[in-house]
Amino acid sequence: MKIEELKYPVGKFKFPTTYNEDDLKKWIEEISSFPEKLSNTVKGLSKDQLLLNYRPDGWSIRQVVHHCAESHMNAFIRFKLTLTEESPVVKSYFENLCAELPDGTSADIEDSLMILTGLHRRWIYLIESLNDQQLNRAYIQPEYNKSFKLWEVLALYAWHCDHHLAHVFQALDRKGDFD
């Protein structure tokens, strides 16, 4: 299997150019159901299983779970900033370096699963309250020299949920065998 297929088991994300009510419902459902899907997938995994990588030189299942909590916290805060400031400039963070810190490599995944459960409840509550004007508010991300509308970010994070859930399944299915 090629490295690109291992990196992107659900395919690379493509920003949609428009959205409609059905898109919103689908994205909201993906984000809403993610914590439970992830929890059910990793429930009862052994310490050795949590160390399985989804690709050569990729993150372990443990790191993926912790990354999702960190990334989704950042997304939620970016939503809040965008709704309360005019075109805020958001700060990027070094995901790979964060994943290598002790809490990313060794902390109990239950901590991040609890964060995801509570965070997603709050996030969905907020998202469901937004109108089209609010969903079209945007933040600026200097790393990409681009402005991102909240509805685009919503689509991205629906994909992000599927993307990393697929990584966990891939790690479990392949058990470190990438030949």
N, C-alpha and C. Protein backbone atom coordinates (compact mmCIF):
# COMPACT_ATOMS: atom_id res chain seq x y z
N MET A 1 0.84 -1.18 0.00
CA MET A 1 0.00 0.00 0.00
C MET A 1 0.89 1.24 0.00
N LYS A 2 0.54 2.20 -0.79
CA LYS A 2 1.32 3.43 -0.89
C LYS A 2 1.15 4.30 0.35
N ILE A 3 2.19 5.06 0.66
CA ILE A 3 2.19 5.90 1.86
C ILE A 3 1.04 6.92 1.82
N GLU A 4 0.71 7.46 0.66
CA GLU A 4 -0.38 8.44 0.56
C GLU A 4 -1.72 7.80 0.95
N GLU A 5 -1.92 6.54 0.58
CA GLU A 5 -3.14 5.83 0.95
C GLU A 5 -3.19 5.58 2.45
N LEU A 6 -2.03 5.33 3.04
CA LEU A 6 -1.97 5.13 4.49
C LEU A 6 -2.18 6.45 5.23
N LYS A 7 -1.65 7.54 4.68
CA LYS A 7 -1.83 8.85 5.30
C LYS A 7 -3.28 9.32 5.22
N TYR A 8 -3.92 9.03 4.09
CA TYR A 8 -5.27 9.56 3.82
C TYR A 8 -6.22 8.43 3.46
N PRO A 9 -6.56 7.58 4.43
CA PRO A 9 -7.40 6.42 4.12
C PRO A 9 -8.81 6.78 3.65
N VAL A 10 -9.30 7.97 3.94
CA VAL A 10 -10.61 8.41 3.44
C VAL A 10 -10.45 9.43 2.32
N GLY A 11 -9.23 9.60 1.85
CA GLY A 11 -8.94 10.59 0.81
C GLY A 11 -8.56 11.92 1.41
N LYS A 12 -7.88 12.74 0.60
CA LYS A 12 -7.51 14.09 1.05
C LYS A 12 -8.76 14.97 1.10
N PHE A 13 -8.74 15.93 2.01
CA PHE A 13 -9.87 16.84 2.14
C PHE A 13 -9.89 17.81 0.97
N LYS A 14 -11.08 18.04 0.46
CA LYS A 14 -11.29 19.04 -0.58
C LYS A 14 -12.34 20.02 -0.07
N PHE A 15 -11.96 21.28 0.02
CA PHE A 15 -12.91 22.29 0.50
C PHE A 15 -14.08 22.40 -0.47
N PRO A 16 -15.30 22.32 0.06
CA PRO A 16 -16.46 22.54 -0.81
C PRO A 16 -16.53 24.03 -1.19
N THR A 17 -17.18 24.31 -2.29
CA THR A 17 -17.31 25.71 -2.74
C THR A 17 -18.61 26.34 -2.26
N THR A 18 -19.57 25.51 -1.88
CA THR A 18 -20.84 25.99 -1.33
C THR A 18 -21.31 24.97 -0.30
N TYR A 19 -22.40 25.30 0.35
CA TYR A 19 -23.02 24.35 1.27
C TYR A 19 -24.53 24.55 1.26
N ASN A 20 -25.24 23.54 1.75
CA ASN A 20 -26.69 23.64 1.89
C ASN A 20 -27.09 22.98 3.21
N GLU A 21 -28.37 22.95 3.49
CA GLU A 21 -28.86 22.39 4.77
C GLU A 21 -28.47 20.92 4.93
N ASP A 22 -28.52 20.16 3.85
CA ASP A 22 -28.16 18.74 3.93
C ASP A 22 -26.68 18.57 4.27
N ASP A 23 -25.84 19.42 3.68
CA ASP A 23 -24.41 19.38 4.02
C ASP A 23 -24.22 19.66 5.49
N LEU A 24 -24.86 20.72 5.98
CA LEU A 24 -24.73 21.08 7.40
C LEU A 24 -25.15 19.93 8.30
N LYS A 25 -26.28 19.32 8.00
CA LYS A 25 -26.77 18.20 8.82
C LYS A 25 -25.77 17.05 8.83
N LYS A 26 -25.21 16.75 7.66
CA LYS A 26 -24.23 15.67 7.55
C LYS A 26 -22.98 16.00 8.37
N TRP A 27 -22.46 17.21 8.24
CA TRP A 27 -21.25 17.60 8.96
C TRP A 27 -21.50 17.61 10.47
N ILE A 28 -22.64 18.12 10.87
CA ILE A 28 -22.99 18.16 12.30
C ILE A 28 -23.09 16.74 12.85
N GLU A 29 -23.70 15.84 12.10
CA GLU A 29 -23.81 14.45 12.55
C GLU A 29 -22.44 13.81 12.70
N GLU A 30 -21.55 14.06 11.75
CA GLU A 30 -20.20 13.48 11.82
C GLU A 30 -19.47 13.96 13.08
N ILE A 31 -19.54 15.25 13.31
CA ILE A 31 -18.85 15.82 14.48
C ILE A 31 -19.52 15.37 15.77
N SER A 32 -20.83 15.34 15.78
CA SER A 32 -21.58 14.95 16.97
C SER A 32 -21.32 13.50 17.37
N SER A 33 -21.25 12.61 16.40
CA SER A 33 -21.12 11.18 16.70
C SER A 33 -19.67 10.73 16.90
N PHE A 34 -18.72 11.57 16.55
CA PHE A 34 -17.32 11.17 16.61
C PHE A 34 -16.85 10.70 17.99
N PRO A 35 -17.10 11.44 19.08
CA PRO A 35 -16.57 10.96 20.37
C PRO A 35 -17.03 9.55 20.73
N GLU A 36 -18.30 9.25 20.46
CA GLU A 36 -18.80 7.91 20.78
C GLU A 36 -18.19 6.85 19.86
N LYS A 37 -18.09 7.17 18.57
CA LYS A 37 -17.47 6.22 17.63
C LYS A 37 -16.02 5.93 18.03
N LEU A 38 -15.28 6.99 18.36
CA LEU A 38 -13.89 6.80 18.74
C LEU A 38 -13.79 6.01 20.04
N SER A 39 -14.59 6.38 21.03
CA SER A 39 -14.58 5.66 22.32
C SER A 39 -14.88 4.19 22.13
N ASN A 40 -15.90 3.89 21.33
CA ASN A 40 -16.27 2.48 21.10
C ASN A 40 -15.15 1.73 20.38
N THR A 41 -14.43 2.40 19.53
CA THR A 41 -13.36 1.76 18.76
C THR A 41 -12.15 1.46 19.63
N VAL A 42 -11.83 2.34 20.57
CA VAL A 42 -10.61 2.15 21.37
C VAL A 42 -10.89 1.51 22.73
N LYS A 43 -12.17 1.31 23.05
CA LYS A 43 -12.53 0.72 24.34
C LYS A 43 -11.88 -0.65 24.51
N GLY A 44 -11.20 -0.84 25.62
CA GLY A 44 -10.62 -2.13 25.94
C GLY A 44 -9.33 -2.47 25.23
N LEU A 45 -8.75 -1.50 24.50
CA LEU A 45 -7.49 -1.80 23.83
C LEU A 45 -6.37 -1.94 24.87
N SER A 46 -5.48 -2.85 24.60
CA SER A 46 -4.34 -3.07 25.50
C SER A 46 -3.31 -1.96 25.30
N LYS A 47 -2.35 -1.90 26.23
CA LYS A 47 -1.27 -0.92 26.08
C LYS A 47 -0.51 -1.15 24.77
N ASP A 48 -0.31 -2.40 24.42
CA ASP A 48 0.38 -2.70 23.16
C ASP A 48 -0.42 -2.26 21.95
N GLN A 49 -1.72 -2.46 21.98
CA GLN A 49 -2.56 -2.02 20.87
C GLN A 49 -2.55 -0.50 20.72
N LEU A 50 -2.52 0.21 21.85
CA LEU A 50 -2.48 1.68 21.79
C LEU A 50 -1.19 2.20 21.18
N LEU A 51 -0.16 1.35 21.13
CA LEU A 51 1.12 1.73 20.53
C LEU A 51 1.18 1.45 19.02
N LEU A 52 0.17 0.80 18.48
CA LEU A 52 0.16 0.50 17.05
C LEU A 52 0.08 1.79 16.24
N ASN A 53 0.89 1.88 15.19
CA ASN A 53 0.89 3.05 14.31
C ASN A 53 -0.03 2.78 13.13
N TYR A 54 -0.57 3.84 12.56
CA TYR A 54 -1.45 3.69 11.40
C TYR A 54 -0.68 3.66 10.09
N ARG A 55 0.59 4.02 10.14
CA ARG A 55 1.48 3.95 8.97
C ARG A 55 2.91 3.97 9.48
N PRO A 56 3.87 3.60 8.64
CA PRO A 56 5.26 3.69 9.07
C PRO A 56 5.60 5.14 9.46
N ASP A 57 6.24 5.30 10.58
CA ASP A 57 6.61 6.61 11.11
C ASP A 57 5.40 7.49 11.41
N GLY A 58 4.25 6.89 11.53
CA GLY A 58 3.04 7.64 11.87
C GLY A 58 2.76 7.57 13.35
N TRP A 59 1.72 8.27 13.75
CA TRP A 59 1.34 8.28 15.16
C TRP A 59 0.75 6.96 15.59
N SER A 60 0.88 6.72 16.90
CA SER A 60 0.22 5.56 17.49
C SER A 60 -1.26 5.89 17.70
N ILE A 61 -2.04 4.87 17.99
CA ILE A 61 -3.45 5.09 18.29
C ILE A 61 -3.57 6.07 19.45
N ARG A 62 -2.75 5.91 20.47
CA ARG A 62 -2.78 6.82 21.63
C ARG A 62 -2.57 8.27 21.17
N GLN A 63 -1.58 8.49 20.33
CA GLN A 63 -1.28 9.84 19.85
C GLN A 63 -2.43 10.40 19.00
N VAL A 64 -3.06 9.55 18.21
CA VAL A 64 -4.19 10.00 17.39
C VAL A 64 -5.32 10.48 18.29
N VAL A 65 -5.63 9.72 19.33
CA VAL A 65 -6.71 10.11 20.24
C VAL A 65 -6.39 11.45 20.90
N HIS A 66 -5.19 11.60 21.41
CA HIS A 66 -4.81 12.86 22.05
C HIS A 66 -4.78 14.02 21.04
N HIS A 67 -4.31 13.75 19.83
CA HIS A 67 -4.30 14.78 18.78
C HIS A 67 -5.72 15.27 18.50
N CYS A 68 -6.66 14.37 18.41
CA CYS A 68 -8.04 14.78 18.12
C CYS A 68 -8.56 15.73 19.19
N ALA A 69 -8.29 15.44 20.45
CA ALA A 69 -8.72 16.35 21.52
C ALA A 69 -8.07 17.72 21.35
N GLU A 70 -6.77 17.74 21.09
CA GLU A 70 -6.06 19.02 20.93
C GLU A 70 -6.55 19.80 19.71
N SER A 71 -6.66 19.12 18.60
CA SER A 71 -7.08 19.78 17.37
C SER A 71 -8.50 20.32 17.47
N HIS A 72 -9.38 19.54 18.06
CA HIS A 72 -10.78 19.96 18.16
C HIS A 72 -10.96 21.08 19.18
N MET A 73 -10.11 21.08 20.22
CA MET A 73 -10.14 22.24 21.14
C MET A 73 -9.75 23.50 20.39
N ASN A 74 -8.72 23.41 19.57
CA ASN A 74 -8.30 24.56 18.78
C ASN A 74 -9.41 25.01 17.85
N ALA A 75 -10.08 24.08 17.20
CA ALA A 75 -11.16 24.44 16.27
C ALA A 75 -12.30 25.14 17.02
N PHE A 76 -12.66 24.63 18.18
CA PHE A 76 -13.74 25.23 18.97
C PHE A 76 -13.38 26.66 19.36
N ILE A 77 -12.17 26.87 19.81
CA ILE A 77 -11.73 28.22 20.19
C ILE A 77 -11.71 29.13 18.96
N ARG A 78 -11.30 28.60 17.83
CA ARG A 78 -11.31 29.41 16.60
C ARG A 78 -12.74 29.81 16.22
N PHE A 79 -13.69 28.91 16.41
CA PHE A 79 -15.10 29.25 16.19
C PHE A 79 -15.50 30.42 17.09
N LYS A 80 -15.16 30.30 18.37
CA LYS A 80 -15.55 31.34 19.34
C LYS A 80 -14.90 32.68 18.98
N LEU A 81 -13.62 32.66 18.63
CA LEU A 81 -12.92 33.89 18.24
C LEU A 81 -13.59 34.51 17.02
N THR A 82 -13.93 33.69 16.06
CA THR A 82 -14.51 34.17 14.81
C THR A 82 -15.89 34.77 15.04
N LEU A 83 -16.60 34.25 16.00
CA LEU A 83 -17.94 34.76 16.29
C LEU A 83 -17.92 36.01 17.15
N THR A 84 -16.80 36.28 17.79
CA THR A 84 -16.73 37.42 18.71
C THR A 84 -15.76 38.51 18.28
N GLU A 85 -14.99 38.27 17.21
CA GLU A 85 -14.04 39.25 16.70
C GLU A 85 -14.23 39.35 15.18
N GLU A 86 -13.78 40.42 14.62
CA GLU A 86 -13.87 40.60 13.17
C GLU A 86 -12.62 40.03 12.51
N SER A 87 -12.79 38.97 11.74
CA SER A 87 -11.70 38.32 11.00
C SER A 87 -10.44 38.13 11.85
N PRO A 88 -10.56 37.39 12.96
CA PRO A 88 -9.37 37.21 13.80
C PRO A 88 -8.27 36.43 13.08
N VAL A 89 -7.06 36.73 13.46
CA VAL A 89 -5.91 35.98 12.98
C VAL A 89 -5.64 34.90 14.02
N VAL A 90 -5.65 33.65 13.59
CA VAL A 90 -5.47 32.55 14.54
C VAL A 90 -4.04 32.04 14.48
N LYS A 91 -3.62 31.47 15.56
CA LYS A 91 -2.27 30.94 15.67
C LYS A 91 -2.29 29.45 15.33
N SER A 92 -1.30 29.04 14.58
CA SER A 92 -1.13 27.62 14.29
C SER A 92 -0.35 26.98 15.44
N TYR A 93 -0.36 25.67 15.45
CA TYR A 93 0.46 24.97 16.43
C TYR A 93 1.11 23.79 15.74
N PHE A 94 2.20 23.32 16.29
CA PHE A 94 2.97 22.23 15.71
C PHE A 94 2.42 20.89 16.20
N GLU A 95 1.48 20.34 15.44
CA GLU A 95 0.80 19.11 15.82
C GLU A 95 1.79 17.96 16.06
N ASN A 96 2.75 17.82 15.17
CA ASN A 96 3.70 16.71 15.31
C ASN A 96 4.53 16.83 16.58
N LEU A 97 4.94 18.04 16.92
CA LEU A 97 5.71 18.23 18.16
C LEU A 97 4.84 17.99 19.39
N CYS A 98 3.59 18.45 19.34
CA CYS A 98 2.67 18.21 20.45
C CYS A 98 2.44 16.71 20.66
N ALA A 99 2.34 15.97 19.57
CA ALA A 99 2.11 14.52 19.66
C ALA A 99 3.27 13.79 20.32
N GLU A 100 4.45 14.40 20.29
CA GLU A 100 5.63 13.77 20.88
C GLU A 100 5.85 14.14 22.35
N LEU A 101 5.08 15.08 22.86
CA LEU A 101 5.20 15.44 24.28
C LEU A 101 4.68 14.29 25.14
N PRO A 102 5.12 14.20 26.40
CA PRO A 102 4.75 13.06 27.24
C PRO A 102 3.25 12.81 27.36
N ASP A 103 2.44 13.87 27.39
CA ASP A 103 1.00 13.62 27.50
C ASP A 103 0.45 13.01 26.21
N GLY A 104 1.11 13.26 25.07
CA GLY A 104 0.68 12.67 23.80
C GLY A 104 1.11 11.23 23.64
N THR A 105 2.24 10.89 24.23
CA THR A 105 2.78 9.54 24.06
C THR A 105 2.43 8.59 25.21
N SER A 106 2.07 9.14 26.37
CA SER A 106 1.92 8.26 27.53
C SER A 106 0.64 8.45 28.35
N ALA A 107 -0.02 9.57 28.26
CA ALA A 107 -1.20 9.82 29.10
C ALA A 107 -2.34 8.87 28.75
N ASP A 108 -3.19 8.65 29.72
CA ASP A 108 -4.36 7.80 29.55
C ASP A 108 -5.28 8.42 28.49
N ILE A 109 -5.72 7.61 27.54
CA ILE A 109 -6.60 8.15 26.49
C ILE A 109 -7.98 8.53 27.02
N GLU A 110 -8.36 8.01 28.16
CA GLU A 110 -9.66 8.36 28.74
C GLU A 110 -9.78 9.86 28.97
N ASP A 111 -8.67 10.50 29.32
CA ASP A 111 -8.69 11.95 29.53
C ASP A 111 -9.10 12.68 28.25
N SER A 112 -8.51 12.29 27.13
CA SER A 112 -8.85 12.93 25.85
C SER A 112 -10.23 12.53 25.38
N LEU A 113 -10.66 11.31 25.66
CA LEU A 113 -12.01 10.89 25.28
C LEU A 113 -13.06 11.70 26.04
N MET A 114 -12.79 11.98 27.32
CA MET A 114 -13.72 12.81 28.09
C MET A 114 -13.74 14.24 27.55
N ILE A 115 -12.57 14.76 27.21
CA ILE A 115 -12.50 16.10 26.61
C ILE A 115 -13.34 16.13 25.34
N LEU A 116 -13.14 15.15 24.47
CA LEU A 116 -13.88 15.12 23.20
C LEU A 116 -15.39 15.05 23.42
N THR A 117 -15.83 14.25 24.38
CA THR A 117 -17.26 14.12 24.64
C THR A 117 -17.86 15.46 25.06
N GLY A 118 -17.28 16.08 26.06
CA GLY A 118 -17.80 17.37 26.52
C GLY A 118 -17.63 18.48 25.49
N LEU A 119 -16.47 18.52 24.87
CA LEU A 119 -16.18 19.55 23.88
C LEU A 119 -17.14 19.46 22.70
N HIS A 120 -17.37 18.28 22.19
CA HIS A 120 -18.26 18.13 21.04
C HIS A 120 -19.71 18.49 21.39
N ARG A 121 -20.14 18.19 22.60
CA ARG A 121 -21.49 18.62 23.01
C ARG A 121 -21.60 20.13 22.95
N ARG A 122 -20.62 20.82 23.52
CA ARG A 122 -20.61 22.29 23.49
C ARG A 122 -20.52 22.81 22.07
N TRP A 123 -19.64 22.23 21.28
CA TRP A 123 -19.39 22.67 19.92
C TRP A 123 -20.66 22.52 19.07
N ILE A 124 -21.30 21.36 19.17
CA ILE A 124 -22.53 21.13 18.41
C ILE A 124 -23.63 22.08 18.87
N TYR A 125 -23.74 22.30 20.17
CA TYR A 125 -24.72 23.26 20.67
C TYR A 125 -24.50 24.63 20.02
N LEU A 126 -23.26 25.05 19.96
CA LEU A 126 -22.92 26.33 19.34
C LEU A 126 -23.22 26.30 17.85
N ILE A 127 -22.77 25.30 17.15
CA ILE A 127 -22.95 25.21 15.70
C ILE A 127 -24.43 25.25 15.34
N GLU A 128 -25.24 24.50 16.07
CA GLU A 128 -26.67 24.44 15.76
C GLU A 128 -27.39 25.76 16.00
N SER A 129 -26.76 26.65 16.73
CA SER A 129 -27.38 27.96 16.99
C SER A 129 -27.02 29.00 15.92
N LEU A 130 -26.11 28.66 15.02
CA LEU A 130 -25.60 29.64 14.06
C LEU A 130 -26.50 29.79 12.85
N ASN A 131 -26.59 31.03 12.37
CA ASN A 131 -27.32 31.29 11.13
C ASN A 131 -26.32 31.39 9.98
N ASP A 132 -26.85 31.57 8.77
CA ASP A 132 -25.97 31.63 7.58
C ASP A 132 -24.95 32.77 7.67
N GLN A 133 -25.38 33.89 8.18
CA GLN A 133 -24.45 35.03 8.30
C GLN A 133 -23.29 34.66 9.23
N GLN A 134 -23.58 34.01 10.34
CA GLN A 134 -22.53 33.62 11.27
C GLN A 134 -21.64 32.52 10.68
N LEU A 135 -22.25 31.58 9.97
CA LEU A 135 -21.46 30.51 9.35
C LEU A 135 -20.54 31.04 8.26
N ASN A 136 -20.83 32.22 7.75
CA ASN A 136 -19.99 32.84 6.72
C ASN A 136 -18.92 33.77 7.30
N ARG A 137 -18.90 33.91 8.62
CA ARG A 137 -17.81 34.67 9.25
C ARG A 137 -16.53 33.86 9.07
N ALA A 138 -15.40 34.55 9.06
CA ALA A 138 -14.15 33.87 8.75
C ALA A 138 -13.02 34.30 9.66
N TYR A 139 -12.06 33.40 9.82
CA TYR A 139 -10.81 33.74 10.47
C TYR A 139 -9.68 33.64 9.45
N ILE A 140 -8.57 34.25 9.80
CA ILE A 140 -7.40 34.26 8.92
C ILE A 140 -6.35 33.36 9.55
N GLN A 141 -5.82 32.45 8.73
CA GLN A 141 -4.75 31.58 9.20
C GLN A 141 -3.50 31.90 8.40
N PRO A 142 -2.56 32.62 9.06
CA PRO A 142 -1.35 33.07 8.36
C PRO A 142 -0.52 31.93 7.76
N GLU A 143 -0.55 30.77 8.40
CA GLU A 143 0.22 29.62 7.92
C GLU A 143 -0.14 29.31 6.46
N TYR A 144 -1.40 29.48 6.11
CA TYR A 144 -1.87 29.21 4.75
C TYR A 144 -2.12 30.49 3.95
N ASN A 145 -1.96 31.64 4.62
CA ASN A 145 -2.24 32.93 4.00
C ASN A 145 -3.64 32.91 3.38
N LYS A 146 -4.60 32.45 4.20
CA LYS A 146 -5.94 32.23 3.69
C LYS A 146 -6.97 32.52 4.78
N SER A 147 -8.13 32.89 4.33
CA SER A 147 -9.28 33.10 5.21
C SER A 147 -10.17 31.86 5.14
N PHE A 148 -10.66 31.40 6.29
CA PHE A 148 -11.53 30.22 6.34
C PHE A 148 -12.87 30.59 6.95
N LYS A 149 -13.94 30.35 6.21
CA LYS A 149 -15.29 30.57 6.73
C LYS A 149 -15.64 29.43 7.69
N LEU A 150 -16.50 29.71 8.66
CA LEU A 150 -16.83 28.69 9.64
C LEU A 150 -17.49 27.47 9.01
N TRP A 151 -18.31 27.66 8.00
CA TRP A 151 -18.91 26.48 7.37
C TRP A 151 -17.85 25.62 6.67
N GLU A 152 -16.79 26.24 6.17
CA GLU A 152 -15.69 25.47 5.58
C GLU A 152 -14.95 24.68 6.65
N VAL A 153 -14.77 25.30 7.80
CA VAL A 153 -14.09 24.64 8.91
C VAL A 153 -14.94 23.47 9.42
N LEU A 154 -16.24 23.67 9.42
CA LEU A 154 -17.16 22.60 9.82
C LEU A 154 -17.00 21.40 8.89
N ALA A 155 -16.95 21.64 7.59
CA ALA A 155 -16.73 20.56 6.62
C ALA A 155 -15.38 19.89 6.87
N LEU A 156 -14.35 20.69 7.11
CA LEU A 156 -13.02 20.16 7.37
C LEU A 156 -13.01 19.25 8.59
N TYR A 157 -13.66 19.67 9.67
CA TYR A 157 -13.61 18.87 10.89
C TYR A 157 -14.51 17.65 10.83
N ALA A 158 -15.54 17.67 10.02
CA ALA A 158 -16.31 16.44 9.78
C ALA A 158 -15.40 15.43 9.11
N TRP A 159 -14.64 15.89 8.10
CA TRP A 159 -13.67 15.03 7.44
C TRP A 159 -12.59 14.59 8.44
N HIS A 160 -12.11 15.51 9.27
CA HIS A 160 -11.05 15.22 10.24
C HIS A 160 -11.46 14.07 11.16
N CYS A 161 -12.72 14.08 11.57
CA CYS A 161 -13.22 12.99 12.42
C CYS A 161 -13.11 11.65 11.69
N ASP A 162 -13.61 11.58 10.46
CA ASP A 162 -13.56 10.34 9.68
C ASP A 162 -12.12 9.93 9.39
N HIS A 163 -11.30 10.92 9.07
CA HIS A 163 -9.88 10.70 8.74
C HIS A 163 -9.16 9.98 9.87
N HIS A 164 -9.30 10.50 11.09
CA HIS A 164 -8.56 9.90 12.20
C HIS A 164 -9.22 8.63 12.74
N LEU A 165 -10.53 8.52 12.63
CA LEU A 165 -11.17 7.25 12.98
C LEU A 165 -10.66 6.16 12.04
N ALA A 166 -10.52 6.48 10.77
CA ALA A 166 -9.98 5.52 9.80
C ALA A 166 -8.53 5.16 10.15
N HIS A 167 -7.76 6.11 10.66
CA HIS A 167 -6.40 5.80 11.09
C HIS A 167 -6.39 4.76 12.20
N VAL A 168 -7.30 4.90 13.15
CA VAL A 168 -7.36 3.94 14.26
C VAL A 168 -7.71 2.56 13.73
N PHE A 169 -8.73 2.48 12.88
CA PHE A 169 -9.10 1.19 12.29
C PHE A 169 -7.95 0.59 11.50
N GLN A 170 -7.25 1.43 10.76
CA GLN A 170 -6.12 0.99 9.95
C GLN A 170 -5.01 0.42 10.83
N ALA A 171 -4.71 1.10 11.93
CA ALA A 171 -3.67 0.62 12.85
C ALA A 171 -4.07 -0.74 13.44
N LEU A 172 -5.32 -0.87 13.81
CA LEU A 172 -5.79 -2.14 14.38
C LEU A 172 -5.80 -3.25 13.33
N ASP A 173 -6.22 -2.94 12.13
CA ASP A 173 -6.29 -3.95 11.07
C ASP A 173 -4.91 -4.42 10.65
N ARG A 174 -3.98 -3.48 10.52
CA ARG A 174 -2.65 -3.82 9.98
C ARG A 174 -1.68 -4.32 11.06
N LYS A 175 -1.93 -3.97 12.32
CA LYS A 175 -1.09 -4.43 13.44
C LYS A 175 0.40 -4.22 13.19
N GLY A 176 0.75 -3.07 12.57
CA GLY A 176 2.15 -2.75 12.33
C GLY A 176 2.73 -3.37 11.07
N ASP A 177 1.91 -4.08 10.30
CA ASP A 177 2.39 -4.69 9.06
C ASP A 177 2.02 -3.80 7.89
N PHE A 178 3.03 -3.20 7.29
CA PHE A 178 2.79 -2.27 6.18
C PHE A 178 3.43 -2.74 4.87
N ASP A 179 3.78 -4.02 4.81
CA ASP A 179 4.37 -4.58 3.58
C ASP A 179 3.29 -5.02 2.62
